[in-house]
């Protein structure tokens, strides 16, 4: 692999797409096809593409979940071991590996974004809008029991 200079989220997109193609999933093409079908108003007619995206999403979600588990293993999280009894439950045992696992999670997160037809600018736009919603939720002191009552807020984020 050649020396790379990565300065932004946008620099990651083509690198991740290339890596995913090597692994057998063209995440970027699948996501772009899904987005094109959505923008043309023909999403319902593209069941094959939606199924292909769904299958790939499941694979990448499973991989992301595995990375989350690997990150958790960097902690002394088991309540029955000595660390917990000594008041050190959740102590970070392996900082360097935890950092690598967090970076591994980014690989799969970018892949998920690509499958959903998102580009870096879309991620920033969605983040900004969702950040406003999250601040509003905290400002209003909402409870977890109320969460389902406000899911339409997410559907309105475009």
N, C-alpha and C. Protein backbone atom coordinates (compact mmCIF):
# COMPACT_ATOMS: atom_id res chain seq x y z
N UNK A 1 0.85 -1.18 0.00
CA UNK A 1 0.00 0.00 0.00
C UNK A 1 0.89 1.24 0.00
N UNK A 2 0.56 2.17 -0.84
CA UNK A 2 1.34 3.40 -0.92
C UNK A 2 1.13 4.27 0.32
N UNK A 3 2.02 5.21 0.53
CA UNK A 3 1.86 6.14 1.63
C UNK A 3 0.65 7.02 1.36
N UNK A 4 -0.21 7.14 2.36
CA UNK A 4 -1.43 7.92 2.22
C UNK A 4 -1.41 9.08 3.19
N UNK A 5 -2.03 10.15 2.79
CA UNK A 5 -2.28 11.27 3.68
C UNK A 5 -3.79 11.42 3.76
N UNK A 6 -4.31 11.14 4.93
CA UNK A 6 -5.75 11.23 5.14
C UNK A 6 -6.00 12.43 6.04
N UNK A 7 -6.75 13.38 5.51
CA UNK A 7 -6.98 14.64 6.24
C UNK A 7 -8.44 14.86 6.61
N UNK A 8 -9.33 14.10 6.01
CA UNK A 8 -10.74 14.36 6.26
C UNK A 8 -11.54 13.08 6.09
N UNK A 9 -12.77 13.17 6.50
CA UNK A 9 -13.69 12.05 6.31
C UNK A 9 -13.85 11.74 4.83
N UNK A 10 -13.84 12.76 4.00
CA UNK A 10 -13.99 12.56 2.55
C UNK A 10 -12.84 11.73 1.99
N UNK A 11 -11.66 11.82 2.59
CA UNK A 11 -10.53 11.02 2.13
C UNK A 11 -10.73 9.53 2.42
N UNK A 12 -11.52 9.22 3.43
CA UNK A 12 -11.75 7.82 3.80
C UNK A 12 -12.69 7.10 2.83
N UNK A 13 -13.63 7.82 2.26
CA UNK A 13 -14.70 7.20 1.45
C UNK A 13 -14.16 6.33 0.31
N UNK A 14 -13.29 6.84 -0.57
CA UNK A 14 -12.82 5.99 -1.66
C UNK A 14 -11.92 4.85 -1.17
N UNK A 15 -11.16 5.08 -0.12
CA UNK A 15 -10.30 4.03 0.43
C UNK A 15 -11.13 2.88 0.97
N UNK A 16 -12.20 3.22 1.69
CA UNK A 16 -13.06 2.18 2.25
C UNK A 16 -13.81 1.45 1.14
N UNK A 17 -14.26 2.19 0.14
CA UNK A 17 -14.97 1.56 -0.99
C UNK A 17 -14.06 0.56 -1.69
N UNK A 18 -12.81 0.93 -1.88
CA UNK A 18 -11.86 0.03 -2.53
C UNK A 18 -11.62 -1.22 -1.68
N UNK A 19 -11.44 -1.04 -0.39
CA UNK A 19 -11.24 -2.18 0.51
C UNK A 19 -12.45 -3.10 0.50
N UNK A 20 -13.65 -2.51 0.51
CA UNK A 20 -14.87 -3.32 0.51
C UNK A 20 -15.03 -4.10 -0.78
N UNK A 21 -14.68 -3.48 -1.91
CA UNK A 21 -14.75 -4.21 -3.19
C UNK A 21 -13.83 -5.42 -3.16
N UNK A 22 -12.65 -5.26 -2.57
CA UNK A 22 -11.73 -6.40 -2.44
C UNK A 22 -12.35 -7.52 -1.61
N UNK A 23 -13.20 -7.16 -0.66
CA UNK A 23 -13.83 -8.14 0.23
C UNK A 23 -15.14 -8.69 -0.36
N UNK A 24 -15.55 -8.18 -1.52
CA UNK A 24 -16.72 -8.74 -2.17
C UNK A 24 -17.99 -7.93 -2.09
N UNK A 25 -17.95 -6.73 -1.49
CA UNK A 25 -19.12 -5.87 -1.44
C UNK A 25 -18.78 -4.52 -2.02
N UNK A 26 -19.52 -4.09 -3.02
CA UNK A 26 -19.31 -2.76 -3.58
C UNK A 26 -20.28 -1.81 -2.86
N UNK A 27 -19.90 -1.43 -1.65
CA UNK A 27 -20.78 -0.64 -0.79
C UNK A 27 -21.15 0.69 -1.43
N UNK A 28 -20.18 1.31 -2.07
CA UNK A 28 -20.44 2.62 -2.65
C UNK A 28 -21.43 2.52 -3.81
N UNK A 29 -21.27 1.55 -4.68
CA UNK A 29 -22.19 1.39 -5.81
C UNK A 29 -23.59 1.01 -5.34
N UNK A 30 -23.66 0.11 -4.37
CA UNK A 30 -24.97 -0.28 -3.84
C UNK A 30 -25.69 0.93 -3.25
N UNK A 31 -24.98 1.72 -2.46
CA UNK A 31 -25.59 2.89 -1.84
C UNK A 31 -25.99 3.95 -2.85
N UNK A 32 -25.16 4.14 -3.86
CA UNK A 32 -25.49 5.14 -4.89
C UNK A 32 -26.71 4.69 -5.70
N UNK A 33 -26.82 3.40 -5.98
CA UNK A 33 -27.99 2.89 -6.71
C UNK A 33 -29.25 3.06 -5.87
N UNK A 34 -29.14 2.80 -4.59
CA UNK A 34 -30.27 2.95 -3.68
C UNK A 34 -30.70 4.42 -3.63
N UNK A 35 -29.73 5.31 -3.54
CA UNK A 35 -30.04 6.75 -3.48
C UNK A 35 -30.66 7.23 -4.79
N UNK A 36 -30.15 6.76 -5.92
CA UNK A 36 -30.70 7.15 -7.21
C UNK A 36 -32.15 6.68 -7.34
N UNK A 37 -32.43 5.46 -6.88
CA UNK A 37 -33.80 4.96 -6.92
C UNK A 37 -34.71 5.81 -6.03
N UNK A 38 -34.21 6.19 -4.87
CA UNK A 38 -34.98 7.03 -3.96
C UNK A 38 -35.25 8.40 -4.58
N UNK A 39 -34.23 9.00 -5.16
CA UNK A 39 -34.39 10.34 -5.74
C UNK A 39 -35.29 10.36 -6.96
N UNK A 40 -35.35 9.23 -7.68
CA UNK A 40 -36.23 9.16 -8.85
C UNK A 40 -37.66 8.79 -8.46
N UNK A 41 -37.88 8.52 -7.18
CA UNK A 41 -39.21 8.14 -6.72
C UNK A 41 -39.56 6.69 -7.00
N UNK A 42 -38.55 5.90 -7.36
CA UNK A 42 -38.81 4.51 -7.75
C UNK A 42 -38.22 3.52 -6.75
N UNK A 43 -38.02 3.93 -5.52
CA UNK A 43 -37.40 3.06 -4.52
C UNK A 43 -38.19 1.77 -4.32
N UNK A 44 -39.51 1.88 -4.29
CA UNK A 44 -40.34 0.69 -4.07
C UNK A 44 -40.17 -0.34 -5.17
N UNK A 45 -39.79 0.10 -6.35
CA UNK A 45 -39.64 -0.81 -7.49
C UNK A 45 -38.27 -1.48 -7.52
N UNK A 46 -37.40 -1.13 -6.62
CA UNK A 46 -36.03 -1.66 -6.63
C UNK A 46 -35.82 -2.64 -5.48
N UNK A 47 -36.68 -3.64 -5.40
CA UNK A 47 -36.60 -4.62 -4.32
C UNK A 47 -35.30 -5.40 -4.32
N UNK A 48 -34.77 -5.71 -5.50
CA UNK A 48 -33.51 -6.45 -5.58
C UNK A 48 -32.35 -5.67 -4.99
N UNK A 49 -32.29 -4.38 -5.30
CA UNK A 49 -31.23 -3.54 -4.75
C UNK A 49 -31.41 -3.37 -3.24
N UNK A 50 -32.63 -3.20 -2.81
CA UNK A 50 -32.88 -3.05 -1.37
C UNK A 50 -32.51 -4.32 -0.62
N UNK A 51 -32.76 -5.48 -1.24
CA UNK A 51 -32.37 -6.74 -0.62
C UNK A 51 -30.85 -6.87 -0.57
N UNK A 52 -30.17 -6.51 -1.64
CA UNK A 52 -28.70 -6.57 -1.66
C UNK A 52 -28.11 -5.64 -0.60
N UNK A 53 -28.66 -4.44 -0.49
CA UNK A 53 -28.19 -3.51 0.53
C UNK A 53 -28.48 -4.07 1.92
N UNK A 54 -29.66 -4.64 2.11
CA UNK A 54 -30.00 -5.22 3.41
C UNK A 54 -29.06 -6.34 3.81
N UNK A 55 -28.72 -7.19 2.87
CA UNK A 55 -27.77 -8.29 3.17
C UNK A 55 -26.41 -7.73 3.56
N UNK A 56 -25.94 -6.77 2.79
CA UNK A 56 -24.64 -6.16 3.10
C UNK A 56 -24.70 -5.42 4.44
N UNK A 57 -25.79 -4.71 4.69
CA UNK A 57 -25.94 -4.02 5.98
C UNK A 57 -25.83 -4.99 7.14
N UNK A 58 -26.49 -6.13 7.01
CA UNK A 58 -26.44 -7.14 8.08
C UNK A 58 -25.01 -7.60 8.31
N UNK A 59 -24.28 -7.85 7.24
CA UNK A 59 -22.88 -8.27 7.39
C UNK A 59 -22.05 -7.20 8.10
N UNK A 60 -22.21 -5.96 7.69
CA UNK A 60 -21.42 -4.90 8.29
C UNK A 60 -21.89 -4.56 9.71
N UNK A 61 -23.17 -4.69 9.98
CA UNK A 61 -23.65 -4.51 11.36
C UNK A 61 -23.08 -5.57 12.28
N UNK A 62 -23.06 -6.81 11.80
CA UNK A 62 -22.47 -7.89 12.60
C UNK A 62 -21.00 -7.62 12.87
N UNK A 63 -20.28 -7.15 11.85
CA UNK A 63 -18.87 -6.85 12.01
C UNK A 63 -18.67 -5.70 13.00
N UNK A 64 -19.50 -4.67 12.91
CA UNK A 64 -19.41 -3.54 13.83
C UNK A 64 -19.70 -4.00 15.26
N UNK A 65 -20.70 -4.84 15.42
CA UNK A 65 -21.03 -5.36 16.75
C UNK A 65 -19.86 -6.16 17.31
N UNK A 66 -19.20 -6.94 16.46
CA UNK A 66 -18.03 -7.71 16.91
C UNK A 66 -16.92 -6.78 17.38
N UNK A 67 -16.71 -5.68 16.65
CA UNK A 67 -15.69 -4.72 17.06
C UNK A 67 -16.05 -4.07 18.38
N UNK A 68 -17.34 -3.79 18.59
CA UNK A 68 -17.79 -3.24 19.88
C UNK A 68 -17.47 -4.23 21.01
N UNK A 69 -17.72 -5.49 20.74
CA UNK A 69 -17.42 -6.52 21.75
C UNK A 69 -15.91 -6.58 22.00
N UNK A 70 -15.10 -6.49 20.96
CA UNK A 70 -13.65 -6.52 21.14
C UNK A 70 -13.18 -5.31 21.94
N UNK A 71 -13.80 -4.17 21.74
CA UNK A 71 -13.47 -2.98 22.53
C UNK A 71 -13.86 -3.20 23.99
N UNK A 72 -15.01 -3.78 24.21
CA UNK A 72 -15.45 -4.06 25.58
C UNK A 72 -14.48 -5.00 26.29
N UNK A 73 -13.87 -5.91 25.55
CA UNK A 73 -12.93 -6.84 26.15
C UNK A 73 -11.65 -6.15 26.64
N UNK A 74 -11.46 -4.89 26.28
CA UNK A 74 -10.33 -4.12 26.80
C UNK A 74 -10.60 -3.62 28.21
N UNK A 75 -11.81 -3.82 28.70
CA UNK A 75 -12.22 -3.41 30.04
C UNK A 75 -12.30 -4.62 30.96
N UNK A 76 -12.15 -4.37 32.24
CA UNK A 76 -12.43 -5.39 33.26
C UNK A 76 -13.91 -5.25 33.61
N UNK A 77 -14.77 -5.79 32.77
CA UNK A 77 -16.20 -5.52 32.92
C UNK A 77 -16.97 -6.60 33.66
N UNK A 78 -16.39 -7.77 33.85
CA UNK A 78 -17.14 -8.88 34.46
C UNK A 78 -17.24 -8.68 35.97
N UNK A 79 -18.47 -8.63 36.45
CA UNK A 79 -18.71 -8.28 37.85
C UNK A 79 -18.24 -9.35 38.84
N UNK A 80 -17.97 -10.54 38.39
CA UNK A 80 -17.62 -11.62 39.31
C UNK A 80 -16.10 -11.79 39.50
N UNK A 81 -15.31 -11.05 38.76
CA UNK A 81 -13.86 -11.19 38.89
C UNK A 81 -13.29 -10.25 39.97
N UNK A 82 -12.08 -10.52 40.33
CA UNK A 82 -11.40 -9.80 41.40
C UNK A 82 -11.41 -8.29 41.16
N UNK A 83 -11.19 -7.87 39.91
CA UNK A 83 -11.15 -6.43 39.64
C UNK A 83 -12.41 -5.73 40.13
N UNK A 84 -13.56 -6.34 39.89
CA UNK A 84 -14.83 -5.74 40.33
C UNK A 84 -14.91 -5.73 41.85
N UNK A 85 -14.50 -6.80 42.47
CA UNK A 85 -14.56 -6.87 43.93
C UNK A 85 -13.61 -5.88 44.59
N UNK A 86 -12.56 -5.50 43.84
CA UNK A 86 -11.61 -4.51 44.35
C UNK A 86 -12.00 -3.08 43.96
N UNK A 87 -13.18 -2.92 43.38
CA UNK A 87 -13.66 -1.60 42.98
C UNK A 87 -13.09 -1.11 41.66
N UNK A 88 -12.57 -2.04 40.84
CA UNK A 88 -11.96 -1.66 39.58
C UNK A 88 -12.74 -2.18 38.37
N UNK A 89 -14.04 -2.48 38.57
CA UNK A 89 -14.85 -2.91 37.43
C UNK A 89 -14.89 -1.77 36.41
N UNK A 90 -14.75 -2.10 35.16
CA UNK A 90 -14.70 -1.18 34.02
C UNK A 90 -13.35 -0.48 33.87
N UNK A 91 -12.35 -0.92 34.59
CA UNK A 91 -11.00 -0.38 34.42
C UNK A 91 -10.52 -0.70 33.01
N UNK A 92 -9.95 0.28 32.35
CA UNK A 92 -9.40 0.08 31.02
C UNK A 92 -8.06 -0.63 31.16
N UNK A 93 -8.00 -1.87 30.65
CA UNK A 93 -6.79 -2.69 30.78
C UNK A 93 -5.83 -2.54 29.62
N UNK A 94 -6.34 -2.27 28.44
CA UNK A 94 -5.49 -2.29 27.25
C UNK A 94 -5.81 -1.08 26.36
N UNK A 95 -5.21 0.04 26.69
CA UNK A 95 -5.49 1.29 25.99
C UNK A 95 -5.15 1.20 24.51
N UNK A 96 -3.99 0.68 24.16
CA UNK A 96 -3.59 0.64 22.76
C UNK A 96 -4.54 -0.22 21.93
N UNK A 97 -4.90 -1.38 22.43
CA UNK A 97 -5.84 -2.22 21.68
C UNK A 97 -7.21 -1.56 21.61
N UNK A 98 -7.62 -0.85 22.66
CA UNK A 98 -8.90 -0.15 22.64
C UNK A 98 -8.91 0.89 21.52
N UNK A 99 -7.81 1.59 21.34
CA UNK A 99 -7.73 2.58 20.27
C UNK A 99 -7.84 1.93 18.90
N UNK A 100 -7.19 0.81 18.71
CA UNK A 100 -7.25 0.11 17.43
C UNK A 100 -8.66 -0.42 17.18
N UNK A 101 -9.31 -0.94 18.20
CA UNK A 101 -10.69 -1.43 18.04
C UNK A 101 -11.63 -0.28 17.66
N UNK A 102 -11.42 0.90 18.25
CA UNK A 102 -12.24 2.06 17.89
C UNK A 102 -12.01 2.42 16.42
N UNK A 103 -10.77 2.36 15.97
CA UNK A 103 -10.48 2.63 14.56
C UNK A 103 -11.11 1.56 13.67
N UNK A 104 -11.08 0.30 14.11
CA UNK A 104 -11.73 -0.77 13.35
C UNK A 104 -13.22 -0.49 13.19
N UNK A 105 -13.84 0.06 14.23
CA UNK A 105 -15.26 0.38 14.16
C UNK A 105 -15.53 1.40 13.07
N UNK A 106 -14.58 2.32 12.86
CA UNK A 106 -14.74 3.33 11.82
C UNK A 106 -14.82 2.70 10.44
N UNK A 107 -14.04 1.66 10.19
CA UNK A 107 -14.10 0.97 8.90
C UNK A 107 -15.53 0.52 8.59
N UNK A 108 -16.16 -0.09 9.57
CA UNK A 108 -17.50 -0.62 9.35
C UNK A 108 -18.55 0.48 9.34
N UNK A 109 -18.33 1.52 10.14
CA UNK A 109 -19.26 2.65 10.14
C UNK A 109 -19.28 3.34 8.77
N UNK A 110 -18.11 3.57 8.20
CA UNK A 110 -18.04 4.18 6.86
C UNK A 110 -18.75 3.28 5.85
N UNK A 111 -18.54 1.99 5.97
CA UNK A 111 -19.19 1.04 5.06
C UNK A 111 -20.71 1.13 5.16
N UNK A 112 -21.22 1.22 6.39
CA UNK A 112 -22.67 1.36 6.58
C UNK A 112 -23.18 2.64 5.94
N UNK A 113 -22.46 3.72 6.13
CA UNK A 113 -22.85 5.00 5.51
C UNK A 113 -22.90 4.86 4.00
N UNK A 114 -21.89 4.22 3.42
CA UNK A 114 -21.85 4.05 1.97
C UNK A 114 -23.05 3.23 1.50
N UNK A 115 -23.36 2.16 2.20
CA UNK A 115 -24.50 1.31 1.81
C UNK A 115 -25.82 2.08 1.83
N UNK A 116 -25.92 3.05 2.72
CA UNK A 116 -27.14 3.84 2.83
C UNK A 116 -27.15 5.03 1.89
N UNK A 117 -26.14 5.11 1.03
CA UNK A 117 -26.08 6.19 0.05
C UNK A 117 -25.64 7.52 0.61
N UNK A 118 -24.93 7.49 1.73
CA UNK A 118 -24.46 8.72 2.36
C UNK A 118 -23.05 9.05 1.92
N UNK A 119 -22.82 10.32 1.68
CA UNK A 119 -21.49 10.86 1.41
C UNK A 119 -21.08 11.64 2.65
N UNK A 120 -19.79 11.98 2.78
CA UNK A 120 -19.35 12.72 3.97
C UNK A 120 -20.16 13.98 4.25
N UNK A 121 -20.50 14.74 3.24
CA UNK A 121 -21.29 15.97 3.46
C UNK A 121 -22.66 15.63 4.05
N UNK A 122 -23.24 14.50 3.64
CA UNK A 122 -24.53 14.07 4.20
C UNK A 122 -24.38 13.75 5.69
N UNK A 123 -23.29 13.10 6.03
CA UNK A 123 -23.05 12.73 7.44
C UNK A 123 -22.96 13.99 8.29
N UNK A 124 -22.20 14.98 7.82
CA UNK A 124 -22.08 16.23 8.58
C UNK A 124 -23.43 16.93 8.73
N UNK A 125 -24.20 16.96 7.65
CA UNK A 125 -25.51 17.61 7.68
C UNK A 125 -26.44 16.88 8.65
N UNK A 126 -26.48 15.55 8.57
CA UNK A 126 -27.35 14.78 9.46
C UNK A 126 -26.90 14.90 10.92
N UNK A 127 -25.59 14.89 11.12
CA UNK A 127 -25.07 15.03 12.48
C UNK A 127 -25.51 16.37 13.08
N UNK A 128 -25.36 17.42 12.30
CA UNK A 128 -25.72 18.75 12.79
C UNK A 128 -27.20 18.81 13.18
N UNK A 129 -28.06 18.27 12.33
CA UNK A 129 -29.50 18.30 12.63
C UNK A 129 -29.84 17.41 13.83
N UNK A 130 -29.23 16.23 13.89
CA UNK A 130 -29.51 15.32 15.00
C UNK A 130 -28.94 15.87 16.31
N UNK A 131 -27.83 16.58 16.23
CA UNK A 131 -27.27 17.21 17.43
C UNK A 131 -28.27 18.19 18.03
N UNK A 132 -28.94 18.95 17.18
CA UNK A 132 -29.96 19.87 17.67
C UNK A 132 -31.09 19.14 18.37
N UNK A 133 -31.52 18.02 17.80
CA UNK A 133 -32.58 17.21 18.42
C UNK A 133 -32.11 16.68 19.77
N UNK A 134 -30.88 16.17 19.82
CA UNK A 134 -30.38 15.60 21.07
C UNK A 134 -30.27 16.66 22.17
N UNK A 135 -29.86 17.87 21.81
CA UNK A 135 -29.82 18.95 22.80
C UNK A 135 -31.24 19.28 23.27
N UNK A 136 -32.17 19.32 22.34
CA UNK A 136 -33.57 19.61 22.70
C UNK A 136 -34.09 18.54 23.66
N UNK A 137 -33.79 17.28 23.38
CA UNK A 137 -34.25 16.19 24.26
C UNK A 137 -33.69 16.34 25.66
N UNK A 138 -32.41 16.71 25.75
CA UNK A 138 -31.82 16.90 27.07
C UNK A 138 -32.38 18.14 27.76
N UNK A 139 -32.56 19.22 26.99
CA UNK A 139 -33.12 20.44 27.56
C UNK A 139 -34.52 20.21 28.13
N UNK A 140 -35.28 19.35 27.48
CA UNK A 140 -36.65 19.07 27.92
C UNK A 140 -36.69 18.02 29.03
N UNK A 141 -35.55 17.42 29.34
CA UNK A 141 -35.50 16.44 30.42
C UNK A 141 -36.34 15.21 30.14
N UNK A 142 -36.36 14.79 28.92
CA UNK A 142 -37.20 13.63 28.55
C UNK A 142 -36.73 12.36 29.24
N UNK A 143 -37.68 11.46 29.42
CA UNK A 143 -37.37 10.16 30.01
C UNK A 143 -37.27 9.11 28.90
N UNK A 144 -36.66 7.98 29.23
CA UNK A 144 -36.56 6.89 28.27
C UNK A 144 -37.94 6.38 27.88
N UNK A 145 -38.87 6.42 28.82
CA UNK A 145 -40.23 5.95 28.53
C UNK A 145 -40.89 6.79 27.44
N UNK A 146 -40.47 8.03 27.28
CA UNK A 146 -41.05 8.91 26.26
C UNK A 146 -40.40 8.75 24.88
N UNK A 147 -39.33 7.99 24.81
CA UNK A 147 -38.54 7.92 23.58
C UNK A 147 -39.38 7.61 22.34
N UNK A 148 -40.20 6.59 22.41
CA UNK A 148 -40.99 6.18 21.24
C UNK A 148 -41.95 7.28 20.79
N UNK A 149 -42.37 8.13 21.72
CA UNK A 149 -43.29 9.22 21.37
C UNK A 149 -42.66 10.28 20.48
N UNK A 150 -41.34 10.27 20.39
CA UNK A 150 -40.64 11.33 19.66
C UNK A 150 -39.82 10.82 18.48
N UNK A 151 -40.04 9.59 18.04
CA UNK A 151 -39.27 9.03 16.92
C UNK A 151 -39.51 9.77 15.61
N UNK A 152 -40.65 10.46 15.50
CA UNK A 152 -40.90 11.23 14.28
C UNK A 152 -39.86 12.33 14.08
N UNK A 153 -39.24 12.78 15.16
CA UNK A 153 -38.17 13.78 15.05
C UNK A 153 -37.05 13.24 14.14
N UNK A 154 -36.71 11.97 14.30
CA UNK A 154 -35.66 11.38 13.46
C UNK A 154 -36.10 11.29 12.00
N UNK A 155 -37.34 10.96 11.77
CA UNK A 155 -37.83 10.83 10.40
C UNK A 155 -37.87 12.18 9.68
N UNK A 156 -37.91 13.25 10.43
CA UNK A 156 -37.96 14.59 9.84
C UNK A 156 -36.57 15.12 9.50
N UNK A 157 -35.52 14.44 9.95
CA UNK A 157 -34.14 14.87 9.68
C UNK A 157 -33.81 14.44 8.25
N UNK A 158 -33.54 15.43 7.40
CA UNK A 158 -33.16 15.14 6.01
C UNK A 158 -31.93 15.93 5.62
